[in-house]
Amino acid sequence: VQRRPRRGQTDRGIQWREARAPRGRRSDRMANAALHRIVLFRMSRRHPPTMDYIARRTAESLSKRDIIRCLKRYVVREVYHALTHPEPTTEIATLRARRNTLGIPMRAVAEHFHRPINAIARLERGQVHDAELATRYYAWLDAQGAA
């Protein structure tokens, strides 16, 4: 009785396959599409660093396609840096409790940071994530508590 070799094997042993990427091509396309949308959004919203980069590269006589390709690489570096070096987040839930303990009205916080009261309230409730504002808010509360 002759048997056919199993899948992945030859009649002389195991058939070696080249290493493949762990993900399919579809995921790479989706990531590339997301990067493309980020770049187009920055270009349409006149993101200042992006506009400076476009002006510099246009002066070097690069095409729009090449500029977008370079901007995608820049965005990838930003995303990688953000993932590998995350900003330390503060515990947002304690902001309101600390402010109330110090007896500071929300209006004073809003006036100090030049933000609407609703923005401060949403930050304290955790509905909006703004790490930079939360860090500054904590530092300000520390200064108010020390004074």
N, C-alpha and C. Protein backbone atom coordinates (compact mmCIF):
# COMPACT_ATOMS: atom_id res chain seq x y z
N VAL A 1 0.86 -1.17 0.00
CA VAL A 1 0.00 0.00 0.00
C VAL A 1 0.90 1.23 0.00
N GLN A 2 0.70 2.06 -1.00
CA GLN A 2 1.47 3.30 -1.07
C GLN A 2 0.69 4.40 -0.37
N ARG A 3 1.41 5.15 0.43
CA ARG A 3 0.78 6.29 1.10
C ARG A 3 1.31 7.57 0.50
N ARG A 4 0.44 8.54 0.47
CA ARG A 4 0.87 9.86 0.03
C ARG A 4 1.56 10.56 1.19
N PRO A 5 2.58 11.35 0.91
CA PRO A 5 3.22 12.07 2.01
C PRO A 5 2.24 13.06 2.65
N ARG A 6 2.39 13.24 3.94
CA ARG A 6 1.53 14.18 4.64
C ARG A 6 1.84 15.60 4.20
N ARG A 7 0.89 16.45 4.49
CA ARG A 7 1.06 17.86 4.13
C ARG A 7 2.28 18.41 4.86
N GLY A 8 3.14 19.11 4.15
CA GLY A 8 4.35 19.66 4.74
C GLY A 8 5.52 18.69 4.71
N GLN A 9 5.31 17.50 4.18
CA GLN A 9 6.39 16.53 4.11
C GLN A 9 6.62 16.13 2.67
N THR A 10 7.80 15.67 2.41
CA THR A 10 8.09 15.08 1.10
C THR A 10 8.42 13.62 1.34
N ASP A 11 8.65 12.89 0.28
CA ASP A 11 8.99 11.48 0.47
C ASP A 11 10.38 11.30 1.08
N ARG A 12 11.15 12.39 1.17
CA ARG A 12 12.49 12.30 1.75
C ARG A 12 12.58 12.96 3.13
N GLY A 13 11.50 13.36 3.68
CA GLY A 13 11.53 13.99 4.99
C GLY A 13 10.64 15.22 5.02
N ILE A 14 10.91 16.07 5.98
CA ILE A 14 10.08 17.25 6.18
C ILE A 14 10.46 18.32 5.17
N GLN A 15 9.47 18.93 4.61
CA GLN A 15 9.69 20.01 3.65
C GLN A 15 9.87 21.31 4.44
N TRP A 16 10.98 21.96 4.22
CA TRP A 16 11.24 23.22 4.93
C TRP A 16 10.57 24.37 4.19
N ARG A 17 9.93 25.21 4.97
CA ARG A 17 9.26 26.38 4.40
C ARG A 17 9.97 27.63 4.87
N GLU A 18 9.90 28.62 4.04
CA GLU A 18 10.48 29.89 4.44
C GLU A 18 9.63 30.50 5.55
N ALA A 19 10.27 31.26 6.42
CA ALA A 19 9.53 31.93 7.50
C ALA A 19 8.62 32.99 6.91
N ARG A 20 7.43 33.04 7.40
CA ARG A 20 6.47 34.02 6.92
C ARG A 20 6.18 35.03 8.01
N ALA A 21 5.62 36.13 7.60
CA ALA A 21 5.22 37.14 8.58
C ALA A 21 4.09 36.57 9.43
N PRO A 22 4.05 36.91 10.71
CA PRO A 22 3.02 36.34 11.57
C PRO A 22 1.61 36.82 11.25
N ARG A 23 1.48 37.98 10.65
CA ARG A 23 0.16 38.51 10.30
C ARG A 23 -0.03 38.45 8.81
N GLY A 24 -1.26 38.49 8.42
CA GLY A 24 -1.58 38.49 7.00
C GLY A 24 -1.36 39.86 6.40
N ARG A 25 -1.47 39.92 5.10
CA ARG A 25 -1.26 41.18 4.40
C ARG A 25 -2.37 42.17 4.73
N ARG A 26 -3.54 41.67 5.06
CA ARG A 26 -4.68 42.54 5.33
C ARG A 26 -4.39 43.47 6.51
N SER A 27 -3.78 42.94 7.57
CA SER A 27 -3.51 43.79 8.73
C SER A 27 -2.51 44.88 8.38
N ASP A 28 -1.54 44.56 7.54
CA ASP A 28 -0.59 45.58 7.12
C ASP A 28 -1.29 46.66 6.31
N ARG A 29 -2.23 46.25 5.48
CA ARG A 29 -2.98 47.23 4.69
C ARG A 29 -3.82 48.12 5.58
N MET A 30 -4.41 47.53 6.61
CA MET A 30 -5.23 48.32 7.52
C MET A 30 -4.37 49.32 8.29
N ALA A 31 -3.20 48.90 8.72
CA ALA A 31 -2.30 49.81 9.43
C ALA A 31 -1.83 50.93 8.51
N ASN A 32 -1.50 50.57 7.27
CA ASN A 32 -1.06 51.58 6.31
C ASN A 32 -2.19 52.56 6.02
N ALA A 33 -3.42 52.06 5.91
CA ALA A 33 -4.56 52.95 5.67
C ALA A 33 -4.77 53.90 6.84
N ALA A 34 -4.58 53.40 8.06
CA ALA A 34 -4.71 54.26 9.23
C ALA A 34 -3.64 55.35 9.24
N LEU A 35 -2.41 54.98 8.91
CA LEU A 35 -1.33 55.97 8.83
C LEU A 35 -1.64 57.01 7.76
N HIS A 36 -2.16 56.55 6.64
CA HIS A 36 -2.50 57.47 5.55
C HIS A 36 -3.57 58.46 6.01
N ARG A 37 -4.58 57.97 6.73
CA ARG A 37 -5.63 58.87 7.23
C ARG A 37 -5.08 59.87 8.23
N ILE A 38 -4.15 59.44 9.09
CA ILE A 38 -3.55 60.36 10.06
C ILE A 38 -2.80 61.47 9.33
N VAL A 39 -2.02 61.10 8.33
CA VAL A 39 -1.25 62.09 7.57
C VAL A 39 -2.18 63.06 6.86
N LEU A 40 -3.22 62.54 6.20
CA LEU A 40 -4.16 63.42 5.50
C LEU A 40 -4.89 64.33 6.47
N PHE A 41 -5.23 63.82 7.65
CA PHE A 41 -5.90 64.65 8.65
C PHE A 41 -4.98 65.78 9.10
N ARG A 42 -3.72 65.45 9.36
CA ARG A 42 -2.78 66.49 9.77
C ARG A 42 -2.59 67.54 8.68
N MET A 43 -2.58 67.08 7.43
CA MET A 43 -2.41 68.03 6.33
C MET A 43 -3.65 68.91 6.19
N SER A 44 -4.84 68.35 6.36
CA SER A 44 -6.07 69.13 6.18
C SER A 44 -6.30 70.08 7.34
N ARG A 45 -5.84 69.74 8.54
CA ARG A 45 -6.05 70.58 9.71
C ARG A 45 -4.90 71.56 9.93
N ARG A 46 -3.98 71.59 9.00
CA ARG A 46 -2.85 72.52 9.07
C ARG A 46 -2.04 72.35 10.36
N HIS A 47 -1.71 71.10 10.67
CA HIS A 47 -0.87 70.78 11.83
C HIS A 47 0.48 71.47 11.62
N PRO A 48 0.87 72.42 12.49
CA PRO A 48 2.07 73.23 12.23
C PRO A 48 3.35 72.45 11.93
N PRO A 49 3.74 71.44 12.73
CA PRO A 49 4.96 70.71 12.37
C PRO A 49 4.85 70.02 11.01
N THR A 50 3.66 69.52 10.70
CA THR A 50 3.46 68.86 9.41
C THR A 50 3.59 69.85 8.28
N MET A 51 3.00 71.03 8.44
CA MET A 51 3.06 72.04 7.39
C MET A 51 4.50 72.52 7.18
N ASP A 52 5.26 72.67 8.27
CA ASP A 52 6.67 73.05 8.14
C ASP A 52 7.44 71.98 7.37
N TYR A 53 7.17 70.71 7.69
CA TYR A 53 7.84 69.60 7.02
C TYR A 53 7.49 69.59 5.53
N ILE A 54 6.22 69.81 5.21
CA ILE A 54 5.79 69.82 3.80
C ILE A 54 6.47 70.95 3.05
N ALA A 55 6.55 72.12 3.67
CA ALA A 55 7.21 73.26 3.01
C ALA A 55 8.68 72.96 2.75
N ARG A 56 9.34 72.36 3.75
CA ARG A 56 10.76 72.05 3.60
C ARG A 56 10.99 71.01 2.49
N ARG A 57 10.15 69.97 2.47
CA ARG A 57 10.31 68.93 1.46
C ARG A 57 9.90 69.39 0.07
N THR A 58 8.92 70.29 -0.01
CA THR A 58 8.53 70.84 -1.31
C THR A 58 9.67 71.68 -1.87
N ALA A 59 10.37 72.40 -1.00
CA ALA A 59 11.52 73.19 -1.44
C ALA A 59 12.63 72.28 -1.98
N GLU A 60 12.68 71.04 -1.47
CA GLU A 60 13.66 70.07 -1.97
C GLU A 60 13.16 69.37 -3.23
N SER A 61 12.06 69.84 -3.77
CA SER A 61 11.42 69.34 -5.00
C SER A 61 10.98 67.88 -4.91
N LEU A 62 10.44 67.50 -3.76
CA LEU A 62 9.85 66.17 -3.61
C LEU A 62 8.39 66.22 -4.03
N SER A 63 7.89 65.13 -4.56
CA SER A 63 6.49 65.08 -4.97
C SER A 63 5.61 64.91 -3.73
N LYS A 64 4.31 65.18 -3.91
CA LYS A 64 3.37 65.04 -2.80
C LYS A 64 3.33 63.59 -2.32
N ARG A 65 3.42 62.67 -3.24
CA ARG A 65 3.40 61.25 -2.89
C ARG A 65 4.60 60.89 -2.00
N ASP A 66 5.78 61.39 -2.36
CA ASP A 66 6.97 61.12 -1.55
C ASP A 66 6.88 61.79 -0.18
N ILE A 67 6.31 62.99 -0.15
CA ILE A 67 6.16 63.70 1.12
C ILE A 67 5.23 62.91 2.04
N ILE A 68 4.13 62.40 1.50
CA ILE A 68 3.19 61.61 2.31
C ILE A 68 3.87 60.34 2.80
N ARG A 69 4.68 59.71 1.96
CA ARG A 69 5.40 58.50 2.37
C ARG A 69 6.34 58.81 3.54
N CYS A 70 7.05 59.93 3.46
CA CYS A 70 7.96 60.31 4.54
C CYS A 70 7.19 60.67 5.81
N LEU A 71 6.05 61.33 5.65
CA LEU A 71 5.23 61.69 6.81
C LEU A 71 4.70 60.44 7.50
N LYS A 72 4.36 59.41 6.73
CA LYS A 72 3.90 58.15 7.33
C LYS A 72 5.00 57.56 8.21
N ARG A 73 6.23 57.60 7.72
CA ARG A 73 7.35 57.08 8.51
C ARG A 73 7.51 57.89 9.80
N TYR A 74 7.32 59.19 9.70
CA TYR A 74 7.42 60.06 10.88
C TYR A 74 6.34 59.69 11.89
N VAL A 75 5.12 59.47 11.41
CA VAL A 75 4.01 59.10 12.30
C VAL A 75 4.29 57.75 12.96
N VAL A 76 4.85 56.81 12.20
CA VAL A 76 5.19 55.50 12.77
C VAL A 76 6.19 55.67 13.90
N ARG A 77 7.19 56.52 13.71
CA ARG A 77 8.17 56.76 14.78
C ARG A 77 7.50 57.36 16.01
N GLU A 78 6.56 58.30 15.79
CA GLU A 78 5.84 58.90 16.92
C GLU A 78 5.03 57.85 17.67
N VAL A 79 4.33 57.00 16.93
CA VAL A 79 3.50 55.97 17.56
C VAL A 79 4.38 54.98 18.32
N TYR A 80 5.48 54.57 17.72
CA TYR A 80 6.39 53.63 18.38
C TYR A 80 6.94 54.24 19.66
N HIS A 81 7.33 55.50 19.60
CA HIS A 81 7.87 56.16 20.79
C HIS A 81 6.80 56.26 21.88
N ALA A 82 5.57 56.58 21.48
CA ALA A 82 4.48 56.69 22.46
C ALA A 82 4.18 55.33 23.10
N LEU A 83 4.31 54.25 22.32
CA LEU A 83 4.04 52.93 22.87
C LEU A 83 5.18 52.43 23.76
N THR A 84 6.41 52.73 23.39
CA THR A 84 7.54 52.23 24.17
C THR A 84 7.91 53.13 25.34
N HIS A 85 7.53 54.41 25.28
CA HIS A 85 7.80 55.36 26.37
C HIS A 85 6.51 56.09 26.75
N PRO A 86 5.56 55.39 27.35
CA PRO A 86 4.28 56.05 27.66
C PRO A 86 4.46 57.12 28.73
N GLU A 87 3.66 58.17 28.60
CA GLU A 87 3.69 59.22 29.61
C GLU A 87 3.07 58.68 30.89
N PRO A 88 3.65 59.02 32.03
CA PRO A 88 3.04 58.54 33.27
C PRO A 88 1.68 59.20 33.46
N THR A 89 0.67 58.38 33.63
CA THR A 89 -0.67 58.92 33.81
C THR A 89 -0.96 59.09 35.29
N THR A 90 -1.70 60.10 35.58
CA THR A 90 -2.07 60.36 36.97
C THR A 90 -3.43 59.73 37.23
N GLU A 91 -3.71 59.49 38.47
CA GLU A 91 -5.00 58.92 38.84
C GLU A 91 -6.04 60.02 38.79
N ILE A 92 -6.84 60.02 37.73
CA ILE A 92 -7.80 61.09 37.47
C ILE A 92 -8.90 61.09 38.52
N ALA A 93 -9.26 59.93 39.04
CA ALA A 93 -10.39 59.84 39.95
C ALA A 93 -10.18 60.64 41.23
N THR A 94 -8.94 60.90 41.60
CA THR A 94 -8.68 61.61 42.85
C THR A 94 -8.64 63.12 42.69
N LEU A 95 -8.74 63.62 41.46
CA LEU A 95 -8.66 65.07 41.26
C LEU A 95 -9.77 65.80 42.00
N ARG A 96 -11.01 65.36 41.80
CA ARG A 96 -12.15 66.03 42.44
C ARG A 96 -12.05 65.96 43.96
N ALA A 97 -11.67 64.79 44.48
CA ALA A 97 -11.56 64.64 45.93
C ALA A 97 -10.48 65.56 46.50
N ARG A 98 -9.35 65.66 45.82
CA ARG A 98 -8.28 66.55 46.30
C ARG A 98 -8.71 68.01 46.24
N ARG A 99 -9.41 68.38 45.15
CA ARG A 99 -9.87 69.77 45.03
C ARG A 99 -10.87 70.10 46.13
N ASN A 100 -11.80 69.18 46.40
CA ASN A 100 -12.79 69.41 47.46
C ASN A 100 -12.14 69.45 48.83
N THR A 101 -11.13 68.62 49.06
CA THR A 101 -10.42 68.62 50.34
C THR A 101 -9.75 69.97 50.59
N LEU A 102 -9.20 70.54 49.53
CA LEU A 102 -8.55 71.85 49.66
C LEU A 102 -9.55 73.00 49.66
N GLY A 103 -10.81 72.71 49.35
CA GLY A 103 -11.85 73.74 49.36
C GLY A 103 -11.76 74.70 48.19
N ILE A 104 -11.27 74.23 47.06
CA ILE A 104 -11.12 75.08 45.88
C ILE A 104 -12.33 74.87 44.98
N PRO A 105 -13.04 75.95 44.62
CA PRO A 105 -14.18 75.77 43.72
C PRO A 105 -13.72 75.44 42.29
N MET A 106 -14.58 74.76 41.57
CA MET A 106 -14.25 74.36 40.20
C MET A 106 -14.04 75.57 39.31
N ARG A 107 -14.76 76.65 39.58
CA ARG A 107 -14.62 77.87 38.79
C ARG A 107 -13.19 78.42 38.87
N ALA A 108 -12.57 78.34 40.06
CA ALA A 108 -11.19 78.81 40.22
C ALA A 108 -10.23 77.97 39.39
N VAL A 109 -10.47 76.66 39.35
CA VAL A 109 -9.62 75.77 38.54
C VAL A 109 -9.77 76.12 37.07
N ALA A 110 -11.03 76.30 36.63
CA ALA A 110 -11.29 76.61 35.23
C ALA A 110 -10.65 77.93 34.83
N GLU A 111 -10.73 78.94 35.70
CA GLU A 111 -10.13 80.24 35.39
C GLU A 111 -8.61 80.14 35.35
N HIS A 112 -8.03 79.35 36.27
CA HIS A 112 -6.57 79.24 36.29
C HIS A 112 -6.04 78.59 35.01
N PHE A 113 -6.72 77.55 34.54
CA PHE A 113 -6.25 76.83 33.35
C PHE A 113 -6.85 77.36 32.05
N HIS A 114 -7.66 78.41 32.14
CA HIS A 114 -8.29 79.02 30.96
C HIS A 114 -9.07 77.97 30.17
N ARG A 115 -9.87 77.20 30.88
CA ARG A 115 -10.71 76.16 30.28
C ARG A 115 -12.14 76.36 30.77
N PRO A 116 -13.11 75.91 30.01
CA PRO A 116 -14.50 75.96 30.49
C PRO A 116 -14.70 75.03 31.69
N ILE A 117 -15.66 75.38 32.53
CA ILE A 117 -15.94 74.54 33.70
C ILE A 117 -16.32 73.13 33.27
N ASN A 118 -17.06 73.01 32.17
CA ASN A 118 -17.46 71.69 31.70
C ASN A 118 -16.25 70.82 31.37
N ALA A 119 -15.21 71.42 30.82
CA ALA A 119 -14.00 70.65 30.48
C ALA A 119 -13.33 70.12 31.74
N ILE A 120 -13.28 70.94 32.79
CA ILE A 120 -12.68 70.50 34.06
C ILE A 120 -13.54 69.39 34.68
N ALA A 121 -14.86 69.57 34.62
CA ALA A 121 -15.77 68.56 35.19
C ALA A 121 -15.63 67.22 34.46
N ARG A 122 -15.55 67.27 33.14
CA ARG A 122 -15.39 66.02 32.37
C ARG A 122 -14.05 65.35 32.68
N LEU A 123 -13.01 66.16 32.88
CA LEU A 123 -11.70 65.61 33.23
C LEU A 123 -11.77 64.93 34.60
N GLU A 124 -12.40 65.58 35.57
CA GLU A 124 -12.50 65.01 36.91
C GLU A 124 -13.34 63.74 36.94
N ARG A 125 -14.35 63.65 36.08
CA ARG A 125 -15.20 62.46 36.03
C ARG A 125 -14.57 61.34 35.20
N GLY A 126 -13.49 61.65 34.49
CA GLY A 126 -12.83 60.64 33.66
C GLY A 126 -13.48 60.45 32.31
N GLN A 127 -14.33 61.39 31.89
CA GLN A 127 -14.99 61.28 30.59
C GLN A 127 -14.06 61.73 29.46
N VAL A 128 -13.08 62.56 29.80
CA VAL A 128 -12.11 63.06 28.82
C VAL A 128 -10.73 62.71 29.35
N HIS A 129 -9.86 62.24 28.47
CA HIS A 129 -8.50 61.91 28.88
C HIS A 129 -7.55 62.96 28.31
N ASP A 130 -6.99 63.76 29.19
CA ASP A 130 -6.00 64.77 28.80
C ASP A 130 -4.87 64.68 29.81
N ALA A 131 -3.87 63.85 29.50
CA ALA A 131 -2.79 63.58 30.45
C ALA A 131 -2.01 64.84 30.79
N GLU A 132 -1.81 65.70 29.80
CA GLU A 132 -1.03 66.92 30.03
C GLU A 132 -1.76 67.84 31.01
N LEU A 133 -3.06 68.04 30.81
CA LEU A 133 -3.84 68.89 31.71
C LEU A 133 -3.94 68.26 33.09
N ALA A 134 -4.13 66.96 33.16
CA ALA A 134 -4.23 66.28 34.45
C ALA A 134 -2.93 66.42 35.24
N THR A 135 -1.80 66.32 34.56
CA THR A 135 -0.50 66.47 35.24
C THR A 135 -0.33 67.89 35.76
N ARG A 136 -0.70 68.87 34.93
CA ARG A 136 -0.61 70.27 35.37
C ARG A 136 -1.58 70.54 36.52
N TYR A 137 -2.77 69.95 36.46
CA TYR A 137 -3.79 70.11 37.50
C TYR A 137 -3.27 69.55 38.82
N TYR A 138 -2.67 68.36 38.79
CA TYR A 138 -2.10 67.77 40.00
C TYR A 138 -1.01 68.67 40.59
N ALA A 139 -0.12 69.17 39.74
CA ALA A 139 0.96 70.04 40.22
C ALA A 139 0.38 71.30 40.85
N TRP A 140 -0.67 71.85 40.24
CA TRP A 140 -1.29 73.06 40.78
C TRP A 140 -1.95 72.77 42.13
N LEU A 141 -2.63 71.61 42.24
CA LEU A 141 -3.24 71.24 43.52
C LEU A 141 -2.18 71.04 44.60
N ASP A 142 -1.03 70.46 44.22
CA ASP A 142 0.06 70.30 45.18
C ASP A 142 0.56 71.65 45.66
N ALA A 143 0.69 72.60 44.72
CA ALA A 143 1.15 73.94 45.09
C ALA A 143 0.12 74.63 45.98
N GLN A 144 -1.17 74.44 45.71
CA GLN A 144 -2.21 75.04 46.53
C GLN A 144 -2.23 74.42 47.93
N GLY A 145 -1.97 73.13 48.00
CA GLY A 145 -1.95 72.45 49.30
C GLY A 145 -0.75 72.85 50.13
N ALA A 146 0.37 73.13 49.47
CA ALA A 146 1.59 73.52 50.19
C ALA A 146 1.51 74.97 50.67
N ALA A 147 0.70 75.78 49.98
CA ALA A 147 0.63 77.21 50.33
C ALA A 147 -0.23 77.48 51.54
